[in-house]
């Protein structure tokens, strides 16, 4: 029997009567349960990341789909891959029920569109080289269920991230990631612990994939886009640390090549050929 733990009554009562300090402390106390819940799902996350990496090496893509907070988190994770790792925005793609306008304004009925996500995915020509991850805190979102079902029928690797055990969404996915964080501090407000758990899982998925795909050297984002002065400075210091050049030399090298990784590789190649 499917039980929505995310909708169960909060463990705390009379919130409006509590002091600000009490509320903050209790929220923090609940948040400490999130990392432990995510830790228990690492074996499933590992399976999913292995599949993603295998497919991306063949030119495949990672798609996230979700509604509301879950959809926003998927779009957020996808949007951070190009500036952080220098990957084109065609490799990790986030789709939210209701389209981009739903990022700022709720389009609540959109999540009930069973065929909506699959129709959008077809516009991207999703195929067996790709991976589809459905994100749904409740585990009952039709927008996510419909697409996962169709994708799995087509032989596409599917994963589901839900905060309820044995959910309908998870039943449609090959790999089920279920961080069970318990009832929310404000009953049913899944933007809180559930959303935090989903964000942690998404961070783990793409960070690990990008590291194993060679987008990180040592512990540094050597492929990041140089979109502001802070990132130019960070890239310059990476080159200083790696090659022992002066800051000015490293900065010139970075701006010439546009990437810390390319600058380091070219410099070393030139030195070796002397």
C-alpha atoms as a PDB file:
ATOM      1  CA  UNK A   1       0.000   0.000   0.000  1.00  0.00           C
ATOM      2  CA  UNK A   2       1.379   3.387  -1.053  1.00  0.00           C
ATOM      3  CA  UNK A   3       1.630   5.857   1.834  1.00  0.00           C
ATOM      4  CA  UNK A   4       2.457   9.519   1.267  1.00  0.00           C
ATOM      5  CA  UNK A   5       4.855  10.261   4.099  1.00  0.00           C
ATOM      6  CA  UNK A   6       5.394  13.705   2.567  1.00  0.00           C
ATOM      7  CA  UNK A   7       1.744  14.521   3.321  1.00  0.00           C
ATOM      8  CA  UNK A   8       1.695  13.241   6.887  1.00  0.00           C
ATOM      9  CA  UNK A   9       1.140  15.698   9.716  1.00  0.00           C
ATOM     10  CA  UNK A  10       4.149  17.613  11.007  1.00  0.00           C
ATOM     11  CA  UNK A  11       5.858  16.352  14.127  1.00  0.00           C
ATOM     12  CA  UNK A  12       5.481  19.860  15.554  1.00  0.00           C
ATOM     13  CA  UNK A  13       2.249  21.584  16.613  1.00  0.00           C
ATOM     14  CA  UNK A  14       1.089  25.165  17.222  1.00  0.00           C
ATOM     15  CA  UNK A  15       3.852  26.634  15.077  1.00  0.00           C
ATOM     16  CA  UNK A  16       2.344  30.115  15.204  1.00  0.00           C
ATOM     17  CA  UNK A  17       2.742  30.148  19.002  1.00  0.00           C
ATOM     18  CA  UNK A  18       6.468  29.417  18.925  1.00  0.00           C
ATOM     19  CA  UNK A  19       9.250  31.978  19.139  1.00  0.00           C
ATOM     20  CA  UNK A  20      11.384  32.728  16.090  1.00  0.00           C
ATOM     21  CA  UNK A  21      14.301  30.945  17.737  1.00  0.00           C
ATOM     22  CA  UNK A  22      12.183  27.846  18.375  1.00  0.00           C
ATOM     23  CA  UNK A  23      11.003  27.726  14.763  1.00  0.00           C
ATOM     24  CA  UNK A  24      14.490  28.157  13.347  1.00  0.00           C
ATOM     25  CA  UNK A  25      15.943  25.552  15.687  1.00  0.00           C
ATOM     26  CA  UNK A  26      13.235  23.007  14.904  1.00  0.00           C
ATOM     27  CA  UNK A  27      13.567  23.501  11.141  1.00  0.00           C
ATOM     28  CA  UNK A  28      17.315  23.004  11.471  1.00  0.00           C
ATOM     29  CA  UNK A  29      16.741  19.890  13.569  1.00  0.00           C
ATOM     30  CA  UNK A  30      14.541  18.436  10.824  1.00  0.00           C
ATOM     31  CA  UNK A  31      17.005  19.415   8.094  1.00  0.00           C
ATOM     32  CA  UNK A  32      19.686  17.299   9.750  1.00  0.00           C
ATOM     33  CA  UNK A  33      17.688  14.209   8.790  1.00  0.00           C
ATOM     34  CA  UNK A  34      18.051  14.965   5.081  1.00  0.00           C
ATOM     35  CA  UNK A  35      21.700  14.045   4.522  1.00  0.00           C
ATOM     36  CA  UNK A  36      21.199  10.753   6.357  1.00  0.00           C
ATOM     37  CA  UNK A  37      18.229   9.904   4.161  1.00  0.00           C
ATOM     38  CA  UNK A  38      20.217  10.692   1.009  1.00  0.00           C
ATOM     39  CA  UNK A  39      23.152   8.611   2.240  1.00  0.00           C
ATOM     40  CA  UNK A  40      20.966   5.514   2.232  1.00  0.00           C
ATOM     41  CA  UNK A  41      20.264   5.980  -1.485  1.00  0.00           C
ATOM     42  CA  UNK A  42      23.906   6.117  -2.634  1.00  0.00           C
ATOM     43  CA  UNK A  43      23.882   2.590  -4.153  1.00  0.00           C
ATOM     44  CA  UNK A  44      20.973   3.571  -6.412  1.00  0.00           C
ATOM     45  CA  UNK A  45      22.566   6.914  -7.274  1.00  0.00           C
ATOM     46  CA  UNK A  46      25.744   5.042  -8.227  1.00  0.00           C
ATOM     47  CA  UNK A  47      23.803   2.799 -10.627  1.00  0.00           C
ATOM     48  CA  UNK A  48      22.183   5.805 -12.250  1.00  0.00           C
ATOM     49  CA  UNK A  49      25.420   7.766 -12.605  1.00  0.00           C
ATOM     50  CA  UNK A  50      27.168   4.764 -14.162  1.00  0.00           C
ATOM     51  CA  UNK A  51      24.405   4.565 -16.735  1.00  0.00           C
ATOM     52  CA  UNK A  52      24.505   8.295 -17.433  1.00  0.00           C
ATOM     53  CA  UNK A  53      28.280   8.318 -17.925  1.00  0.00           C
ATOM     54  CA  UNK A  54      28.169   5.291 -20.211  1.00  0.00           C
ATOM     55  CA  UNK A  55      25.562   6.974 -22.398  1.00  0.00           C
ATOM     56  CA  UNK A  56      27.124  10.438 -22.364  1.00  0.00           C
ATOM     57  CA  UNK A  57      30.361   8.940 -23.649  1.00  0.00           C
ATOM     58  CA  UNK A  58      28.308   7.873 -26.677  1.00  0.00           C
ATOM     59  CA  UNK A  59      26.933  11.379 -27.098  1.00  0.00           C
ATOM     60  CA  UNK A  60      23.848  10.856 -24.969  1.00  0.00           C
ATOM     61  CA  UNK A  61      22.071  13.467 -22.876  1.00  0.00           C
ATOM     62  CA  UNK A  62      20.532  13.677 -19.421  1.00  0.00           C
ATOM     63  CA  UNK A  63      16.953  14.902 -19.164  1.00  0.00           C
ATOM     64  CA  UNK A  64      15.220  15.984 -15.959  1.00  0.00           C
ATOM     65  CA  UNK A  65      11.452  16.304 -15.777  1.00  0.00           C
ATOM     66  CA  UNK A  66       9.292  17.520 -12.908  1.00  0.00           C
ATOM     67  CA  UNK A  67       6.559  19.889 -11.772  1.00  0.00           C
ATOM     68  CA  UNK A  68       6.590  22.709  -9.238  1.00  0.00           C
ATOM     69  CA  UNK A  69       9.578  22.704  -6.885  1.00  0.00           C
ATOM     70  CA  UNK A  70      10.824  19.396  -8.305  1.00  0.00           C
ATOM     71  CA  UNK A  71      10.781  20.764 -11.840  1.00  0.00           C
ATOM     72  CA  UNK A  72      12.517  23.967 -10.795  1.00  0.00           C
ATOM     73  CA  UNK A  73      15.290  21.993  -9.112  1.00  0.00           C
ATOM     74  CA  UNK A  74      15.869  19.972 -12.281  1.00  0.00           C
ATOM     75  CA  UNK A  75      16.030  23.093 -14.439  1.00  0.00           C
ATOM     76  CA  UNK A  76      18.375  24.728 -11.914  1.00  0.00           C
ATOM     77  CA  UNK A  77      20.766  21.779 -11.924  1.00  0.00           C
ATOM     78  CA  UNK A  78      20.772  21.607 -15.717  1.00  0.00           C
ATOM     79  CA  UNK A  79      21.330  25.359 -16.093  1.00  0.00           C
ATOM     80  CA  UNK A  80      24.430  25.271 -13.896  1.00  0.00           C
ATOM     81  CA  UNK A  81      26.309  22.679 -15.966  1.00  0.00           C
ATOM     82  CA  UNK A  82      27.488  24.975 -18.821  1.00  0.00           C
ATOM     83  CA  UNK A  83      29.011  27.726 -16.624  1.00  0.00           C
ATOM     84  CA  UNK A  84      30.459  25.302 -14.079  1.00  0.00           C
ATOM     85  CA  UNK A  85      31.879  22.653 -16.403  1.00  0.00           C
ATOM     86  CA  UNK A  86      31.972  24.309 -19.824  1.00  0.00           C
ATOM     87  CA  UNK A  87      29.585  21.767 -21.320  1.00  0.00           C
ATOM     88  CA  UNK A  88      27.113  22.867 -24.013  1.00  0.00           C
ATOM     89  CA  UNK A  89      23.574  23.369 -22.706  1.00  0.00           C
ATOM     90  CA  UNK A  90      22.443  20.460 -24.873  1.00  0.00           C
ATOM     91  CA  UNK A  91      23.919  17.785 -22.582  1.00  0.00           C
ATOM     92  CA  UNK A  92      21.812  18.246 -19.446  1.00  0.00           C
ATOM     93  CA  UNK A  93      18.287  19.493 -20.070  1.00  0.00           C
ATOM     94  CA  UNK A  94      15.607  20.309 -17.520  1.00  0.00           C
ATOM     95  CA  UNK A  95      11.905  20.368 -18.400  1.00  0.00           C
ATOM     96  CA  UNK A  96       9.220  21.707 -16.060  1.00  0.00           C
ATOM     97  CA  UNK A  97       5.471  21.199 -16.352  1.00  0.00           C
ATOM     98  CA  UNK A  98       3.975  24.408 -17.675  1.00  0.00           C
ATOM     99  CA  UNK A  99       7.156  25.525 -19.451  1.00  0.00           C
ATOM    100  CA  UNK A 100       9.634  28.208 -18.473  1.00  0.00           C
ATOM    101  CA  UNK A 101       6.913  30.532 -17.148  1.00  0.00           C
ATOM    102  CA  UNK A 102       6.357  27.946 -14.382  1.00  0.00           C
ATOM    103  CA  UNK A 103       9.831  28.702 -13.039  1.00  0.00           C
ATOM    104  CA  UNK A 104       8.486  31.930 -11.535  1.00  0.00           C
ATOM    105  CA  UNK A 105       4.743  31.461 -11.459  1.00  0.00           C
ATOM    106  CA  UNK A 106       2.854  28.311 -10.471  1.00  0.00           C
ATOM    107  CA  UNK A 107       1.073  26.490 -13.292  1.00  0.00           C
ATOM    108  CA  UNK A 108      -0.476  23.896 -11.033  1.00  0.00           C
ATOM    109  CA  UNK A 109      -2.733  22.077 -13.511  1.00  0.00           C
ATOM    110  CA  UNK A 110       0.229  21.421 -15.809  1.00  0.00           C
ATOM    111  CA  UNK A 111       1.491  18.604 -13.588  1.00  0.00           C
ATOM    112  CA  UNK A 112      -1.665  16.611 -14.384  1.00  0.00           C
ATOM    113  CA  UNK A 113      -0.833  16.510 -18.104  1.00  0.00           C
ATOM    114  CA  UNK A 114       0.052  12.825 -18.480  1.00  0.00           C
ATOM    115  CA  UNK A 115       1.331  13.210 -22.066  1.00  0.00           C
ATOM    116  CA  UNK A 116       2.899  16.656 -21.723  1.00  0.00           C
ATOM    117  CA  UNK A 117       6.471  15.717 -20.805  1.00  0.00           C
ATOM    118  CA  UNK A 118       6.734  12.969 -23.405  1.00  0.00           C
ATOM    119  CA  UNK A 119       5.543  15.336 -26.133  1.00  0.00           C
ATOM    120  CA  UNK A 120       8.251  17.810 -25.100  1.00  0.00           C
ATOM    121  CA  UNK A 121      10.877  15.074 -25.009  1.00  0.00           C
ATOM    122  CA  UNK A 122       9.927  13.991 -28.526  1.00  0.00           C
ATOM    123  CA  UNK A 123      10.794  17.504 -29.715  1.00  0.00           C
ATOM    124  CA  UNK A 124      14.323  16.790 -28.480  1.00  0.00           C
ATOM    125  CA  UNK A 125      14.309  13.429 -30.278  1.00  0.00           C
ATOM    126  CA  UNK A 126      15.082  11.550 -27.059  1.00  0.00           C
ATOM    127  CA  UNK A 127      16.592   8.137 -27.790  1.00  0.00           C
ATOM    128  CA  UNK A 128      18.354   5.104 -26.270  1.00  0.00           C
ATOM    129  CA  UNK A 129      21.613   7.014 -25.814  1.00  0.00           C
ATOM    130  CA  UNK A 130      19.854   9.373 -23.406  1.00  0.00           C
ATOM    131  CA  UNK A 131      18.804   9.112 -19.753  1.00  0.00           C
ATOM    132  CA  UNK A 132      15.529  10.383 -18.317  1.00  0.00           C
ATOM    133  CA  UNK A 133      15.213  11.240 -14.620  1.00  0.00           C
ATOM    134  CA  UNK A 134      11.796  12.040 -13.191  1.00  0.00           C
ATOM    135  CA  UNK A 135      11.695  14.187 -10.062  1.00  0.00           C
ATOM    136  CA  UNK A 136       8.573  14.149  -7.887  1.00  0.00           C
ATOM    137  CA  UNK A 137       8.576  14.566  -4.123  1.00  0.00           C
ATOM    138  CA  UNK A 138       5.105  13.044  -3.805  1.00  0.00           C
ATOM    139  CA  UNK A 139       5.799  10.344  -6.363  1.00  0.00           C
ATOM    140  CA  UNK A 140       2.386  10.763  -7.981  1.00  0.00           C
ATOM    141  CA  UNK A 141       2.867  13.474 -10.642  1.00  0.00           C
ATOM    142  CA  UNK A 142       1.155  12.398 -13.909  1.00  0.00           C
ATOM    143  CA  UNK A 143       3.466  14.640 -15.988  1.00  0.00           C
ATOM    144  CA  UNK A 144       6.414  12.578 -14.739  1.00  0.00           C
ATOM    145  CA  UNK A 145       4.715   9.167 -14.678  1.00  0.00           C
ATOM    146  CA  UNK A 146       3.598   9.376 -18.298  1.00  0.00           C
ATOM    147  CA  UNK A 147       7.029  10.253 -19.667  1.00  0.00           C
ATOM    148  CA  UNK A 148       8.869   7.647 -17.594  1.00  0.00           C
ATOM    149  CA  UNK A 149       6.488   4.948 -18.788  1.00  0.00           C
ATOM    150  CA  UNK A 150       6.901   5.860 -22.450  1.00  0.00           C
ATOM    151  CA  UNK A 151      10.684   6.215 -22.135  1.00  0.00           C
ATOM    152  CA  UNK A 152      11.080   2.830 -20.502  1.00  0.00           C
ATOM    153  CA  UNK A 153       8.952   1.241 -23.214  1.00  0.00           C
ATOM    154  CA  UNK A 154      11.404   2.711 -25.737  1.00  0.00           C
ATOM    155  CA  UNK A 155      14.420   1.212 -23.953  1.00  0.00           C
ATOM    156  CA  UNK A 156      15.650   4.523 -22.529  1.00  0.00           C
ATOM    157  CA  UNK A 157      17.389   4.421 -19.140  1.00  0.00           C
ATOM    158  CA  UNK A 158      15.039   5.892 -16.534  1.00  0.00           C
ATOM    159  CA  UNK A 159      15.518   7.044 -12.956  1.00  0.00           C
ATOM    160  CA  UNK A 160      13.096   8.458 -10.417  1.00  0.00           C
ATOM    161  CA  UNK A 161      13.723  10.678  -7.400  1.00  0.00           C
ATOM    162  CA  UNK A 162      10.885  10.626  -4.888  1.00  0.00           C
ATOM    163  CA  UNK A 163      10.573  11.147  -1.141  1.00  0.00           C
ATOM    164  CA  UNK A 164       7.863   8.535  -0.627  1.00  0.00           C
ATOM    165  CA  UNK A 165       8.642   4.800  -0.672  1.00  0.00           C
ATOM    166  CA  UNK A 166       7.249   2.598  -3.452  1.00  0.00           C
ATOM    167  CA  UNK A 167       5.578   5.476  -5.270  1.00  0.00           C
ATOM    168  CA  UNK A 168       3.801   5.319  -8.657  1.00  0.00           C
ATOM    169  CA  UNK A 169       6.618   7.400 -10.162  1.00  0.00           C
ATOM    170  CA  UNK A 170       9.251   4.980  -8.870  1.00  0.00           C
ATOM    171  CA  UNK A 171       7.291   2.042 -10.265  1.00  0.00           C
ATOM    172  CA  UNK A 172       7.812   3.431 -13.777  1.00  0.00           C
ATOM    173  CA  UNK A 173      11.594   3.838 -13.446  1.00  0.00           C
ATOM    174  CA  UNK A 174      14.400   1.348 -13.823  1.00  0.00           C
ATOM    175  CA  UNK A 175      16.390   2.968 -11.003  1.00  0.00           C
ATOM    176  CA  UNK A 176      14.556   4.283  -7.944  1.00  0.00           C
ATOM    177  CA  UNK A 177      16.135   6.866  -5.661  1.00  0.00           C
ATOM    178  CA  UNK A 178      13.992   7.363  -2.570  1.00  0.00           C
ATOM    179  CA  UNK A 179      15.408   9.575   0.204  1.00  0.00           C
ATOM    180  CA  UNK A 180      12.702   9.272   2.869  1.00  0.00           C
ATOM    181  CA  UNK A 181      13.009  12.455   4.915  1.00  0.00           C
ATOM    182  CA  UNK A 182       9.758  12.132   6.856  1.00  0.00           C
ATOM    183  CA  UNK A 183       6.929  14.637   7.368  1.00  0.00           C
ATOM    184  CA  UNK A 184       7.669  18.269   6.620  1.00  0.00           C
ATOM    185  CA  UNK A 185       7.920  20.918   9.351  1.00  0.00           C
ATOM    186  CA  UNK A 186       4.944  22.662   7.762  1.00  0.00           C
ATOM    187  CA  UNK A 187       2.680  19.769   6.812  1.00  0.00           C
ATOM    188  CA  UNK A 188       2.942  18.960   3.105  1.00  0.00           C
ATOM    189  CA  UNK A 189       5.436  21.741   2.287  1.00  0.00           C
ATOM    190  CA  UNK A 190       7.735  19.594   0.168  1.00  0.00           C
ATOM    191  CA  UNK A 191       9.863  22.554  -0.885  1.00  0.00           C
ATOM    192  CA  UNK A 192      11.550  22.051   2.496  1.00  0.00           C
ATOM    193  CA  UNK A 193      13.174  18.720   3.407  1.00  0.00           C
ATOM    194  CA  UNK A 194      12.015  16.915   0.278  1.00  0.00           C
ATOM    195  CA  UNK A 195      13.290  19.700  -1.950  1.00  0.00           C
ATOM    196  CA  UNK A 196      16.595  19.777  -0.098  1.00  0.00           C
ATOM    197  CA  UNK A 197      16.993  16.012  -0.502  1.00  0.00           C
ATOM    198  CA  UNK A 198      16.265  16.249  -4.225  1.00  0.00           C
ATOM    199  CA  UNK A 199      18.795  19.069  -4.635  1.00  0.00           C
ATOM    200  CA  UNK A 200      21.469  17.024  -2.856  1.00  0.00           C
ATOM    201  CA  UNK A 201      20.816  14.033  -5.118  1.00  0.00           C
ATOM    202  CA  UNK A 202      20.934  16.168  -8.264  1.00  0.00           C
ATOM    203  CA  UNK A 203      24.214  17.723  -7.100  1.00  0.00           C
ATOM    204  CA  UNK A 204      25.646  14.240  -6.614  1.00  0.00           C
ATOM    205  CA  UNK A 205      24.485  12.980 -10.010  1.00  0.00           C
ATOM    206  CA  UNK A 206      25.856  15.744 -12.207  1.00  0.00           C
ATOM    207  CA  UNK A 207      28.967  16.521 -10.162  1.00  0.00           C
ATOM    208  CA  UNK A 208      30.077  12.890 -10.239  1.00  0.00           C
ATOM    209  CA  UNK A 209      29.252  12.555 -13.925  1.00  0.00           C
ATOM    210  CA  UNK A 210      31.189  15.688 -14.851  1.00  0.00           C
ATOM    211  CA  UNK A 211      34.226  14.589 -12.815  1.00  0.00           C
ATOM    212  CA  UNK A 212      34.288  11.178 -14.505  1.00  0.00           C
ATOM    213  CA  UNK A 213      33.805  12.775 -17.931  1.00  0.00           C
ATOM    214  CA  UNK A 214      36.999  14.762 -17.432  1.00  0.00           C
ATOM    215  CA  UNK A 215      35.527  18.167 -16.698  1.00  0.00           C
ATOM    216  CA  UNK A 216      37.428  18.480 -13.389  1.00  0.00           C
ATOM    217  CA  UNK A 217      41.183  18.265 -12.761  1.00  0.00           C
ATOM    218  CA  UNK A 218      42.322  17.505  -9.209  1.00  0.00           C
ATOM    219  CA  UNK A 219      39.481  19.344  -7.436  1.00  0.00           C
ATOM    220  CA  UNK A 220      39.150  22.308  -9.770  1.00  0.00           C
ATOM    221  CA  UNK A 221      36.574  23.408 -12.359  1.00  0.00           C
ATOM    222  CA  UNK A 222      39.131  23.775 -15.129  1.00  0.00           C
ATOM    223  CA  UNK A 223      36.479  23.936 -17.865  1.00  0.00           C
ATOM    224  CA  UNK A 224      34.288  26.643 -16.312  1.00  0.00           C
ATOM    225  CA  UNK A 225      33.090  29.515 -18.490  1.00  0.00           C
ATOM    226  CA  UNK A 226      34.868  32.815 -17.875  1.00  0.00           C
ATOM    227  CA  UNK A 227      31.678  34.838 -17.530  1.00  0.00           C
ATOM    228  CA  UNK A 228      32.789  37.311 -14.865  1.00  0.00           C
ATOM    229  CA  UNK A 229      35.907  38.674 -13.173  1.00  0.00           C
ATOM    230  CA  UNK A 230      35.598  36.318 -10.208  1.00  0.00           C
ATOM    231  CA  UNK A 231      35.793  33.307 -12.513  1.00  0.00           C
ATOM    232  CA  UNK A 232      38.657  34.793 -14.525  1.00  0.00           C
ATOM    233  CA  UNK A 233      40.556  35.270 -11.270  1.00  0.00           C
ATOM    234  CA  UNK A 234      39.746  31.707 -10.179  1.00  0.00           C
ATOM    235  CA  UNK A 235      40.929  30.308 -13.510  1.00  0.00           C
ATOM    236  CA  UNK A 236      44.104  32.381 -13.369  1.00  0.00           C
ATOM    237  CA  UNK A 237      44.951  31.064  -9.915  1.00  0.00           C
ATOM    238  CA  UNK A 238      44.355  27.495 -11.132  1.00  0.00           C
ATOM    239  CA  UNK A 239      47.008  28.037 -13.806  1.00  0.00           C
ATOM    240  CA  UNK A 240      49.393  29.645 -11.300  1.00  0.00           C
ATOM    241  CA  UNK A 241      49.038  26.641  -8.996  1.00  0.00           C
ATOM    242  CA  UNK A 242      49.394  24.109 -11.801  1.00  0.00           C
ATOM    243  CA  UNK A 243      52.224  25.645 -13.824  1.00  0.00           C
ATOM    244  CA  UNK A 244      54.049  27.884 -11.362  1.00  0.00           C
ATOM    245  CA  UNK A 245      53.709  30.958 -13.605  1.00  0.00           C
ATOM    246  CA  UNK A 246      53.279  34.507 -12.391  1.00  0.00           C
ATOM    247  CA  UNK A 247      49.703  35.760 -12.010  1.00  0.00           C
ATOM    248  CA  UNK A 248      50.110  38.050 -15.038  1.00  0.00           C
ATOM    249  CA  UNK A 249      51.491  35.252 -17.236  1.00  0.00           C
ATOM    250  CA  UNK A 250      48.718  32.899 -16.135  1.00  0.00           C
ATOM    251  CA  UNK A 251      46.050  35.523 -16.744  1.00  0.00           C
ATOM    252  CA  UNK A 252      47.311  36.217 -20.259  1.00  0.00           C
ATOM    253  CA  UNK A 253      47.420  32.500 -21.009  1.00  0.00           C
ATOM    254  CA  UNK A 254      43.870  32.012 -19.717  1.00  0.00           C
ATOM    255  CA  UNK A 255      42.419  34.882 -21.717  1.00  0.00           C
ATOM    256  CA  UNK A 256      44.228  33.670 -24.839  1.00  0.00           C
ATOM    257  CA  UNK A 257      42.772  30.157 -24.661  1.00  0.00           C
ATOM    258  CA  UNK A 258      39.493  30.817 -22.823  1.00  0.00           C
ATOM    259  CA  UNK A 259      39.767  27.806 -20.521  1.00  0.00           C
ATOM    260  CA  UNK A 260      42.118  26.855 -17.698  1.00  0.00           C
ATOM    261  CA  UNK A 261      42.297  23.265 -18.963  1.00  0.00           C
ATOM    262  CA  UNK A 262      43.104  24.257 -22.534  1.00  0.00           C
ATOM    263  CA  UNK A 263      45.658  26.818 -21.349  1.00  0.00           C
ATOM    264  CA  UNK A 264      47.424  24.272 -19.140  1.00  0.00           C
ATOM    265  CA  UNK A 265      47.385  21.559 -21.813  1.00  0.00           C
ATOM    266  CA  UNK A 266      48.706  23.869 -24.550  1.00  0.00           C
ATOM    267  CA  UNK A 267      51.444  25.285 -22.325  1.00  0.00           C
ATOM    268  CA  UNK A 268      52.635  21.835 -21.268  1.00  0.00           C
ATOM    269  CA  UNK A 269      52.500  20.551 -24.825  1.00  0.00           C
ATOM    270  CA  UNK A 270      54.637  23.480 -26.009  1.00  0.00           C
ATOM    271  CA  UNK A 271      57.157  22.919 -23.213  1.00  0.00           C
ATOM    272  CA  UNK A 272      57.400  19.203 -24.032  1.00  0.00           C
ATOM    273  CA  UNK A 273      58.000  19.959 -27.695  1.00  0.00           C
ATOM    274  CA  UNK A 274      60.901  22.300 -27.030  1.00  0.00           C
END
